[in-house]
C-alpha atoms as a PDB file:
ATOM      1  CA  MET A   1      -3.452  16.161 -17.971  1.00  0.00           C
ATOM      2  CA  THR A   2      -2.144  12.980 -16.460  1.00  0.00           C
ATOM      3  CA  ARG A   3      -1.082  10.476 -19.075  1.00  0.00           C
ATOM      4  CA  VAL A   4      -1.843   6.961 -17.958  1.00  0.00           C
ATOM      5  CA  ILE A   5      -0.770   3.449 -19.020  1.00  0.00           C
ATOM      6  CA  VAL A   6      -3.138   0.671 -17.987  1.00  0.00           C
ATOM      7  CA  ALA A   7      -1.465  -2.699 -17.347  1.00  0.00           C
ATOM      8  CA  GLY A   8      -3.756  -5.538 -17.407  1.00  0.00           C
ATOM      9  CA  ALA A   9      -6.075  -3.690 -19.687  1.00  0.00           C
ATOM     10  CA  GLY A  10      -8.044  -6.871 -20.444  1.00  0.00           C
ATOM     11  CA  GLY A  11      -8.960  -7.650 -16.957  1.00  0.00           C
ATOM     12  CA  ARG A  12     -12.084  -6.321 -15.016  1.00  0.00           C
ATOM     13  CA  MET A  13     -10.074  -3.529 -13.354  1.00  0.00           C
ATOM     14  CA  GLY A  14      -8.193  -2.635 -16.358  1.00  0.00           C
ATOM     15  CA  ARG A  15     -11.268  -2.291 -18.456  1.00  0.00           C
ATOM     16  CA  LEU A  16     -12.967  -0.125 -15.792  1.00  0.00           C
ATOM     17  CA  LEU A  17      -9.917   2.063 -15.546  1.00  0.00           C
ATOM     18  CA  VAL A  18      -9.849   2.655 -19.234  1.00  0.00           C
ATOM     19  CA  SER A  19     -13.580   3.356 -19.201  1.00  0.00           C
ATOM     20  CA  ILE A  20     -13.126   6.082 -16.655  1.00  0.00           C
ATOM     21  CA  ILE A  21     -10.006   7.562 -18.315  1.00  0.00           C
ATOM     22  CA  ALA A  22     -11.906   7.951 -21.569  1.00  0.00           C
ATOM     23  CA  ARG A  23     -14.761   9.818 -19.749  1.00  0.00           C
ATOM     24  CA  GLU A  24     -12.751  12.119 -17.506  1.00  0.00           C
ATOM     25  CA  LYS A  25     -10.556  15.163 -18.834  1.00  0.00           C
ATOM     26  CA  PRO A  26      -7.937  15.255 -16.263  1.00  0.00           C
ATOM     27  CA  PHE A  27      -6.649  11.865 -17.678  1.00  0.00           C
ATOM     28  CA  GLU A  28      -5.364  10.630 -21.002  1.00  0.00           C
ATOM     29  CA  LEU A  29      -4.981   7.086 -22.005  1.00  0.00           C
ATOM     30  CA  ALA A  30      -1.182   6.831 -23.108  1.00  0.00           C
ATOM     31  CA  GLY A  31      -0.913   2.944 -23.484  1.00  0.00           C
ATOM     32  CA  ALA A  32      -2.564  -0.517 -22.634  1.00  0.00           C
ATOM     33  CA  LEU A  33      -0.639  -3.455 -21.667  1.00  0.00           C
ATOM     34  CA  GLU A  34      -1.431  -7.167 -21.493  1.00  0.00           C
ATOM     35  CA  ALA A  35       0.178 -10.408 -21.359  1.00  0.00           C
ATOM     36  CA  ALA A  36       1.308 -11.818 -24.658  1.00  0.00           C
ATOM     37  CA  GLU A  37      -0.829 -14.921 -24.083  1.00  0.00           C
ATOM     38  CA  SER A  38      -3.789 -13.050 -23.032  1.00  0.00           C
ATOM     39  CA  GLY A  39      -5.422 -13.002 -26.458  1.00  0.00           C
ATOM     40  CA  PHE A  40      -5.907  -9.131 -26.155  1.00  0.00           C
ATOM     41  CA  VAL A  41      -2.792  -7.894 -27.662  1.00  0.00           C
ATOM     42  CA  GLY A  42      -3.693  -5.899 -30.773  1.00  0.00           C
ATOM     43  CA  GLN A  43      -7.122  -5.028 -29.796  1.00  0.00           C
ATOM     44  CA  ASP A  44      -8.259  -1.384 -29.269  1.00  0.00           C
ATOM     45  CA  ALA A  45      -8.224  -0.541 -25.607  1.00  0.00           C
ATOM     46  CA  GLY A  46     -11.406   1.304 -25.916  1.00  0.00           C
ATOM     47  CA  GLU A  47     -13.288  -1.326 -27.687  1.00  0.00           C
ATOM     48  CA  LEU A  48     -12.073  -3.990 -25.191  1.00  0.00           C
ATOM     49  CA  ALA A  49     -13.527  -1.551 -22.342  1.00  0.00           C
ATOM     50  CA  GLY A  50     -16.823  -1.138 -24.174  1.00  0.00           C
ATOM     51  CA  VAL A  51     -16.415   2.667 -24.763  1.00  0.00           C
ATOM     52  CA  GLY A  52     -15.622   2.878 -28.459  1.00  0.00           C
ATOM     53  CA  ARG A  53     -12.403   3.029 -30.417  1.00  0.00           C
ATOM     54  CA  LEU A  54      -9.656   5.193 -28.680  1.00  0.00           C
ATOM     55  CA  GLY A  55      -6.961   4.396 -31.063  1.00  0.00           C
ATOM     56  CA  ILE A  56      -4.854   2.883 -28.390  1.00  0.00           C
ATOM     57  CA  ALA A  57      -3.769  -0.759 -29.184  1.00  0.00           C
ATOM     58  CA  VAL A  58      -3.051  -3.156 -26.551  1.00  0.00           C
ATOM     59  CA  THR A  59       0.665  -4.264 -26.494  1.00  0.00           C
ATOM     60  CA  ALA A  60       2.788  -6.820 -24.519  1.00  0.00           C
ATOM     61  CA  ASP A  61       5.775  -4.711 -24.771  1.00  0.00           C
ATOM     62  CA  TYR A  62       5.978  -2.289 -21.893  1.00  0.00           C
ATOM     63  CA  SER A  63       9.264  -0.851 -22.697  1.00  0.00           C
ATOM     64  CA  THR A  64       7.674   0.834 -25.780  1.00  0.00           C
ATOM     65  CA  LEU A  65       5.141   2.577 -23.463  1.00  0.00           C
ATOM     66  CA  ALA A  66       7.156   3.580 -20.195  1.00  0.00           C
ATOM     67  CA  ARG A  67       8.336   7.258 -20.231  1.00  0.00           C
ATOM     68  CA  PRO A  68       8.895   9.870 -17.609  1.00  0.00           C
ATOM     69  CA  ASP A  69       5.654  11.551 -18.448  1.00  0.00           C
ATOM     70  CA  THR A  70       3.454   8.581 -17.815  1.00  0.00           C
ATOM     71  CA  VAL A  71       2.007   6.901 -14.893  1.00  0.00           C
ATOM     72  CA  THR A  72       1.243   3.280 -15.147  1.00  0.00           C
ATOM     73  CA  LEU A  73      -1.611   1.612 -13.059  1.00  0.00           C
ATOM     74  CA  ASP A  74      -0.856  -1.983 -12.468  1.00  0.00           C
ATOM     75  CA  PHE A  75      -3.668  -4.225 -11.577  1.00  0.00           C
ATOM     76  CA  THR A  76      -2.109  -7.628 -12.988  1.00  0.00           C
ATOM     77  CA  ASN A  77      -0.208  -9.991 -10.456  1.00  0.00           C
ATOM     78  CA  ALA A  78       2.729  -9.956  -8.295  1.00  0.00           C
ATOM     79  CA  ALA A  79       5.225 -11.460 -10.861  1.00  0.00           C
ATOM     80  CA  ALA A  80       3.987  -9.116 -13.870  1.00  0.00           C
ATOM     81  CA  ALA A  81       3.936  -6.046 -11.567  1.00  0.00           C
ATOM     82  CA  LEU A  82       7.583  -6.714 -10.436  1.00  0.00           C
ATOM     83  CA  ALA A  83       8.680  -7.094 -14.112  1.00  0.00           C
ATOM     84  CA  HIS A  84       6.957  -3.870 -15.041  1.00  0.00           C
ATOM     85  CA  LEU A  85       8.396  -1.916 -12.122  1.00  0.00           C
ATOM     86  CA  GLU A  86      11.996  -3.126 -13.239  1.00  0.00           C
ATOM     87  CA  VAL A  87      11.163  -1.462 -16.525  1.00  0.00           C
ATOM     88  CA  ALA A  88       9.694   1.685 -15.038  1.00  0.00           C
ATOM     89  CA  ALA A  89      12.772   2.027 -12.715  1.00  0.00           C
ATOM     90  CA  GLU A  90      14.875   2.091 -15.687  1.00  0.00           C
ATOM     91  CA  SER A  91      12.842   4.393 -17.747  1.00  0.00           C
ATOM     92  CA  GLY A  92      11.745   6.747 -14.907  1.00  0.00           C
ATOM     93  CA  ALA A  93       8.051   6.051 -15.576  1.00  0.00           C
ATOM     94  CA  ALA A  94       5.765   6.662 -12.574  1.00  0.00           C
ATOM     95  CA  MET A  95       3.654   3.586 -11.254  1.00  0.00           C
ATOM     96  CA  VAL A  96       0.830   2.959  -9.123  1.00  0.00           C
ATOM     97  CA  ILE A  97       0.692  -0.771  -8.123  1.00  0.00           C
ATOM     98  CA  GLY A  98      -2.509  -2.449  -6.711  1.00  0.00           C
ATOM     99  CA  SER A  99      -1.512  -5.970  -7.685  1.00  0.00           C
ATOM    100  CA  THR A 100      -1.169  -8.376  -4.522  1.00  0.00           C
ATOM    101  CA  GLY A 101       0.334 -11.720  -3.812  1.00  0.00           C
ATOM    102  CA  PHE A 102       3.999 -10.651  -3.413  1.00  0.00           C
ATOM    103  CA  THR A 103       6.213 -12.910  -1.413  1.00  0.00           C
ATOM    104  CA  PRO A 104       8.522 -11.199   1.151  1.00  0.00           C
ATOM    105  CA  GLU A 105      11.290 -11.659  -1.388  1.00  0.00           C
ATOM    106  CA  MET A 106       9.396  -9.928  -4.115  1.00  0.00           C
ATOM    107  CA  GLU A 107       8.340  -7.204  -1.598  1.00  0.00           C
ATOM    108  CA  ALA A 108      11.890  -6.408  -0.704  1.00  0.00           C
ATOM    109  CA  ARG A 109      12.859  -6.377  -4.475  1.00  0.00           C
ATOM    110  CA  ALA A 110       9.810  -3.980  -5.170  1.00  0.00           C
ATOM    111  CA  ARG A 111      10.939  -1.729  -2.319  1.00  0.00           C
ATOM    112  CA  ARG A 112      14.389  -1.295  -3.900  1.00  0.00           C
ATOM    113  CA  LEU A 113      13.121  -0.638  -7.341  1.00  0.00           C
ATOM    114  CA  ALA A 114      10.240   1.615  -6.327  1.00  0.00           C
ATOM    115  CA  ALA A 115      12.760   3.887  -4.637  1.00  0.00           C
ATOM    116  CA  ARG A 116      14.598   4.597  -8.085  1.00  0.00           C
ATOM    117  CA  THR A 117      11.217   6.195  -9.628  1.00  0.00           C
ATOM    118  CA  ARG A 118       8.078   7.521  -8.381  1.00  0.00           C
ATOM    119  CA  THR A 119       5.874   4.713  -7.124  1.00  0.00           C
ATOM    120  CA  VAL A 120       2.833   3.937  -5.083  1.00  0.00           C
ATOM    121  CA  ILE A 121       2.397   0.508  -3.779  1.00  0.00           C
ATOM    122  CA  ALA A 122      -0.853  -0.234  -2.058  1.00  0.00           C
ATOM    123  CA  PRO A 123      -2.801  -3.315  -1.361  1.00  0.00           C
ATOM    124  CA  ASN A 124      -5.998  -1.409  -1.719  1.00  0.00           C
ATOM    125  CA  MET A 125      -6.667   1.810  -3.498  1.00  0.00           C
ATOM    126  CA  SER A 126      -9.975   2.487  -1.924  1.00  0.00           C
ATOM    127  CA  VAL A 127     -10.208   5.710   0.056  1.00  0.00           C
ATOM    128  CA  GLY A 128     -12.437   4.062   2.592  1.00  0.00           C
ATOM    129  CA  VAL A 129     -10.176   1.144   3.171  1.00  0.00           C
ATOM    130  CA  ASN A 130      -7.202   3.476   3.820  1.00  0.00           C
ATOM    131  CA  VAL A 131      -9.322   5.304   6.424  1.00  0.00           C
ATOM    132  CA  LEU A 132     -10.153   1.870   7.817  1.00  0.00           C
ATOM    133  CA  MET A 133      -6.336   1.438   8.171  1.00  0.00           C
ATOM    134  CA  LYS A 134      -5.883   4.486  10.120  1.00  0.00           C
ATOM    135  CA  ILE A 135      -8.945   3.996  12.374  1.00  0.00           C
ATOM    136  CA  THR A 136      -7.687   0.339  12.976  1.00  0.00           C
ATOM    137  CA  ALA A 137      -4.130   1.637  14.103  1.00  0.00           C
ATOM    138  CA  GLU A 138      -5.801   3.860  16.693  1.00  0.00           C
ATOM    139  CA  VAL A 139      -8.236   1.453  18.011  1.00  0.00           C
ATOM    140  CA  ALA A 140      -5.498  -1.242  18.320  1.00  0.00           C
ATOM    141  CA  LYS A 141      -3.395   1.016  20.440  1.00  0.00           C
ATOM    142  CA  ILE A 142      -6.513   2.068  22.664  1.00  0.00           C
ATOM    143  CA  LEU A 143      -7.994  -1.527  23.028  1.00  0.00           C
ATOM    144  CA  ASN A 144      -4.406  -3.047  23.304  1.00  0.00           C
ATOM    145  CA  ASN A 145      -5.566  -5.937  25.476  1.00  0.00           C
ATOM    146  CA  PHE A 146      -8.608  -6.933  23.287  1.00  0.00           C
ATOM    147  CA  ASP A 147      -8.240  -9.871  20.827  1.00  0.00           C
ATOM    148  CA  ALA A 148      -7.803  -8.886  17.336  1.00  0.00           C
ATOM    149  CA  GLU A 149      -9.056 -10.711  14.380  1.00  0.00           C
ATOM    150  CA  VAL A 150      -9.196  -9.977  10.482  1.00  0.00           C
ATOM    151  CA  LEU A 151     -11.972 -11.412   8.247  1.00  0.00           C
ATOM    152  CA  GLU A 152     -12.106 -10.947   4.514  1.00  0.00           C
ATOM    153  CA  ILE A 153     -14.480 -12.196   1.702  1.00  0.00           C
ATOM    154  CA  HIS A 154     -13.686 -11.853  -2.145  1.00  0.00           C
ATOM    155  CA  HIS A 155     -14.970 -13.652  -5.290  1.00  0.00           C
ATOM    156  CA  GLY A 156     -14.139 -17.028  -6.069  1.00  0.00           C
ATOM    157  CA  THR A 157     -11.626 -16.266  -8.770  1.00  0.00           C
ATOM    158  CA  LYS A 158      -9.153 -14.261  -6.574  1.00  0.00           C
ATOM    159  CA  ILE A 159      -5.899 -16.372  -6.655  1.00  0.00           C
ATOM    160  CA  ASP A 160      -4.376 -15.178  -3.276  1.00  0.00           C
ATOM    161  CA  ALA A 161      -5.363 -15.562   0.302  1.00  0.00           C
ATOM    162  CA  PRO A 162      -5.820 -13.882   2.566  1.00  0.00           C
ATOM    163  CA  SER A 163      -6.107 -10.678   0.644  1.00  0.00           C
ATOM    164  CA  GLY A 164      -3.288  -8.015   0.679  1.00  0.00           C
ATOM    165  CA  THR A 165      -5.778  -5.694   2.246  1.00  0.00           C
ATOM    166  CA  ALA A 166      -6.448  -8.091   5.133  1.00  0.00           C
ATOM    167  CA  LEU A 167      -2.729  -8.733   5.665  1.00  0.00           C
ATOM    168  CA  ALA A 168      -1.988  -5.070   5.640  1.00  0.00           C
ATOM    169  CA  LEU A 169      -4.729  -4.637   8.478  1.00  0.00           C
ATOM    170  CA  GLY A 170      -3.273  -7.394  10.420  1.00  0.00           C
ATOM    171  CA  ARG A 171       0.418  -5.750  10.026  1.00  0.00           C
ATOM    172  CA  THR A 172      -1.252  -2.359  11.021  1.00  0.00           C
ATOM    173  CA  ILE A 173      -2.544  -4.013  14.360  1.00  0.00           C
ATOM    174  CA  ALA A 174       0.894  -5.552  15.032  1.00  0.00           C
ATOM    175  CA  GLU A 175       2.760  -2.235  14.311  1.00  0.00           C
ATOM    176  CA  ALA A 176       0.421  -0.286  16.535  1.00  0.00           C
ATOM    177  CA  ARG A 177       1.008  -2.667  19.337  1.00  0.00           C
ATOM    178  CA  GLY A 178       4.734  -3.005  18.793  1.00  0.00           C
ATOM    179  CA  LEU A 179       4.678  -6.713  17.767  1.00  0.00           C
ATOM    180  CA  ASP A 180       6.274  -8.734  15.055  1.00  0.00           C
ATOM    181  CA  PHE A 181       3.309  -9.621  12.810  1.00  0.00           C
ATOM    182  CA  GLN A 182       4.856 -12.711  11.283  1.00  0.00           C
ATOM    183  CA  ALA A 183       5.673 -14.155  14.639  1.00  0.00           C
ATOM    184  CA  ASN A 184       2.217 -13.502  15.899  1.00  0.00           C
ATOM    185  CA  ALA A 185      -0.122 -14.150  12.922  1.00  0.00           C
ATOM    186  CA  ILE A 186      -2.626 -17.037  12.766  1.00  0.00           C
ATOM    187  CA  PHE A 187      -3.981 -17.958   9.388  1.00  0.00           C
ATOM    188  CA  GLY A 188      -6.107 -21.023   9.890  1.00  0.00           C
ATOM    189  CA  ARG A 189      -7.724 -23.119  12.935  1.00  0.00           C
ATOM    190  CA  GLU A 190      -8.909 -26.660  13.009  1.00  0.00           C
ATOM    191  CA  GLY A 191      -9.410 -29.220  15.617  1.00  0.00           C
ATOM    192  CA  ILE A 192      -8.436 -28.881  19.272  1.00  0.00           C
ATOM    193  CA  THR A 193      -6.683 -25.502  18.912  1.00  0.00           C
ATOM    194  CA  GLY A 194      -6.488 -24.845  22.669  1.00  0.00           C
ATOM    195  CA  VAL A 195      -6.914 -21.532  24.474  1.00  0.00           C
ATOM    196  CA  ARG A 196      -6.301 -18.353  22.215  1.00  0.00           C
ATOM    197  CA  GLU A 197      -2.968 -17.102  23.050  1.00  0.00           C
ATOM    198  CA  PRO A 198      -2.745 -13.360  24.042  1.00  0.00           C
ATOM    199  CA  GLY A 199      -1.263 -11.131  21.404  1.00  0.00           C
ATOM    200  CA  LYS A 200      -2.125 -13.310  18.327  1.00  0.00           C
ATOM    201  CA  ILE A 201      -3.347 -11.610  15.300  1.00  0.00           C
ATOM    202  CA  ALA A 202      -5.726 -13.892  13.201  1.00  0.00           C
ATOM    203  CA  VAL A 203      -6.288 -13.244   9.458  1.00  0.00           C
ATOM    204  CA  PHE A 204      -8.789 -15.316   7.528  1.00  0.00           C
ATOM    205  CA  GLY A 205      -9.965 -15.373   3.902  1.00  0.00           C
ATOM    206  CA  LEU A 206     -13.326 -16.553   2.487  1.00  0.00           C
ATOM    207  CA  ARG A 207     -13.953 -17.110  -1.279  1.00  0.00           C
ATOM    208  CA  ALA A 208     -17.605 -17.005  -2.532  1.00  0.00           C
ATOM    209  CA  GLY A 209     -19.468 -15.997  -5.654  1.00  0.00           C
ATOM    210  CA  ASP A 210     -18.723 -12.490  -6.901  1.00  0.00           C
ATOM    211  CA  ALA A 211     -18.000 -10.625  -3.839  1.00  0.00           C
ATOM    212  CA  VAL A 212     -16.006  -7.702  -4.690  1.00  0.00           C
ATOM    213  CA  GLY A 213     -14.261  -7.350  -1.122  1.00  0.00           C
ATOM    214  CA  ASP A 214     -15.293  -7.028   2.339  1.00  0.00           C
ATOM    215  CA  HIS A 215     -12.959  -6.493   5.157  1.00  0.00           C
ATOM    216  CA  THR A 216     -14.089  -6.705   8.952  1.00  0.00           C
ATOM    217  CA  VAL A 217     -11.565  -6.111  11.947  1.00  0.00           C
ATOM    218  CA  PHE A 218     -12.918  -7.601  15.152  1.00  0.00           C
ATOM    219  CA  PHE A 219     -11.578  -6.509  18.559  1.00  0.00           C
ATOM    220  CA  GLY A 220     -12.960  -8.624  21.343  1.00  0.00           C
ATOM    221  CA  GLY A 221     -12.845  -8.007  24.950  1.00  0.00           C
ATOM    222  CA  GLN A 222     -14.629  -9.509  28.031  1.00  0.00           C
ATOM    223  CA  GLY A 223     -18.220  -8.730  27.565  1.00  0.00           C
ATOM    224  CA  GLU A 224     -17.944  -6.481  24.579  1.00  0.00           C
ATOM    225  CA  ARG A 225     -16.770  -6.622  21.026  1.00  0.00           C
ATOM    226  CA  LEU A 226     -16.015  -3.716  18.440  1.00  0.00           C
ATOM    227  CA  GLU A 227     -16.204  -4.316  14.701  1.00  0.00           C
ATOM    228  CA  LEU A 228     -14.856  -2.171  12.117  1.00  0.00           C
ATOM    229  CA  THR A 229     -16.107  -3.005   8.529  1.00  0.00           C
ATOM    230  CA  HIS A 230     -15.623  -1.818   4.981  1.00  0.00           C
ATOM    231  CA  ARG A 231     -17.661  -3.294   2.112  1.00  0.00           C
ATOM    232  CA  ALA A 232     -16.805  -2.602  -1.572  1.00  0.00           C
ATOM    233  CA  GLN A 233     -19.970  -2.375  -3.588  1.00  0.00           C
ATOM    234  CA  SER A 234     -18.167  -2.292  -6.873  1.00  0.00           C
ATOM    235  CA  ARG A 235     -14.590  -2.084  -8.284  1.00  0.00           C
ATOM    236  CA  GLU A 236     -15.089   1.823  -9.071  1.00  0.00           C
ATOM    237  CA  GLY A 237     -13.921   2.841  -5.631  1.00  0.00           C
ATOM    238  CA  LEU A 238     -10.562   1.133  -6.145  1.00  0.00           C
ATOM    239  CA  ALA A 239     -10.269   2.506  -9.698  1.00  0.00           C
ATOM    240  CA  ARG A 240     -10.988   6.084  -8.596  1.00  0.00           C
ATOM    241  CA  GLY A 241      -8.571   5.799  -5.755  1.00  0.00           C
ATOM    242  CA  ALA A 242      -5.922   4.479  -8.197  1.00  0.00           C
ATOM    243  CA  LEU A 243      -6.546   7.440 -10.513  1.00  0.00           C
ATOM    244  CA  ARG A 244      -6.220   9.924  -7.611  1.00  0.00           C
ATOM    245  CA  ALA A 245      -2.946   8.329  -6.653  1.00  0.00           C
ATOM    246  CA  ALA A 246      -1.663   8.592 -10.459  1.00  0.00           C
ATOM    247  CA  ALA A 247      -2.453  12.327 -10.556  1.00  0.00           C
ATOM    248  CA  TRP A 248      -0.766  12.729  -7.136  1.00  0.00           C
ATOM    249  CA  ILE A 249       2.410  10.642  -7.881  1.00  0.00           C
ATOM    250  CA  GLU A 250       3.228  12.394 -11.120  1.00  0.00           C
ATOM    251  CA  LYS A 251       4.228  15.567  -9.030  1.00  0.00           C
ATOM    252  CA  GLN A 252       6.451  13.749  -6.494  1.00  0.00           C
ATOM    253  CA  PRO A 253      10.156  13.213  -6.292  1.00  0.00           C
ATOM    254  CA  PRO A 254      11.450   9.659  -6.787  1.00  0.00           C
ATOM    255  CA  GLY A 255      10.571   7.354  -3.880  1.00  0.00           C
ATOM    256  CA  LEU A 256       8.180   4.872  -2.632  1.00  0.00           C
ATOM    257  CA  TYR A 257       4.822   5.916  -1.349  1.00  0.00           C
ATOM    258  CA  SER A 258       1.475   4.654   0.022  1.00  0.00           C
ATOM    259  CA  MET A 259      -2.100   5.542  -0.160  1.00  0.00           C
ATOM    260  CA  ARG A 260      -1.684   7.163   3.159  1.00  0.00           C
ATOM    261  CA  ASP A 261       0.725   9.484   1.719  1.00  0.00           C
ATOM    262  CA  VAL A 262      -1.699  10.206  -1.267  1.00  0.00           C
ATOM    263  CA  LEU A 263      -4.438  10.986   0.914  1.00  0.00           C
ATOM    264  CA  GLY A 264      -2.393  12.650   3.650  1.00  0.00           C
ATOM    265  CA  LEU A 265      -3.597  10.324   6.426  1.00  0.00           C
END
């Protein structure tokens, strides 16, 4: 039985995670966490998720929940996830972080903290997306003279762009080709941009409606183009990938892991 704490229990992903945990026996809801100003503190997590009373009240104090025998699933935001990771590192609680929007400084801090406990950090928990990452790396090597561009679309309420997954795909291409991603990344085009420079990797984000998340990697050559696409039809794929990571990470030694580690890719 994996004892799970859901951070961001009032959000869409948080409610979905609580609802799945309530239905599936390998998991037990050990706690639910939300920001003090969210308006959800004190409510029953099960009632909030629409699955009936579970007897787990939402709290804003993570330190009262974090224990070595728990795994926290965090789909909040970068600042909140980093604060939660600091508590987890002190308490020995395991964490699975799917929050995005980390600055380079926050990423460095997260890596240092993650090494002190059992931690999975991944911009996308979907099994399919992580298979896409692996395939993208292989194709980037084979088609190393093809132009590489990444395009993503998410719902209009997503606050960061491009998505963490799109950035991860861009970094995957750069790593496969032995390039520095930041030195070769393009995040926008406007006006007379001139001829596309060889070796550049473009990453673009679209925001529209209620799109859950689509990612396409384009490899463009002379007379041909290869497109690799993953489409999320609902958030359930992300939630189930996160729970798979939770069941895996609780058995691991302290360290920072990725979804590739979880899936053995």
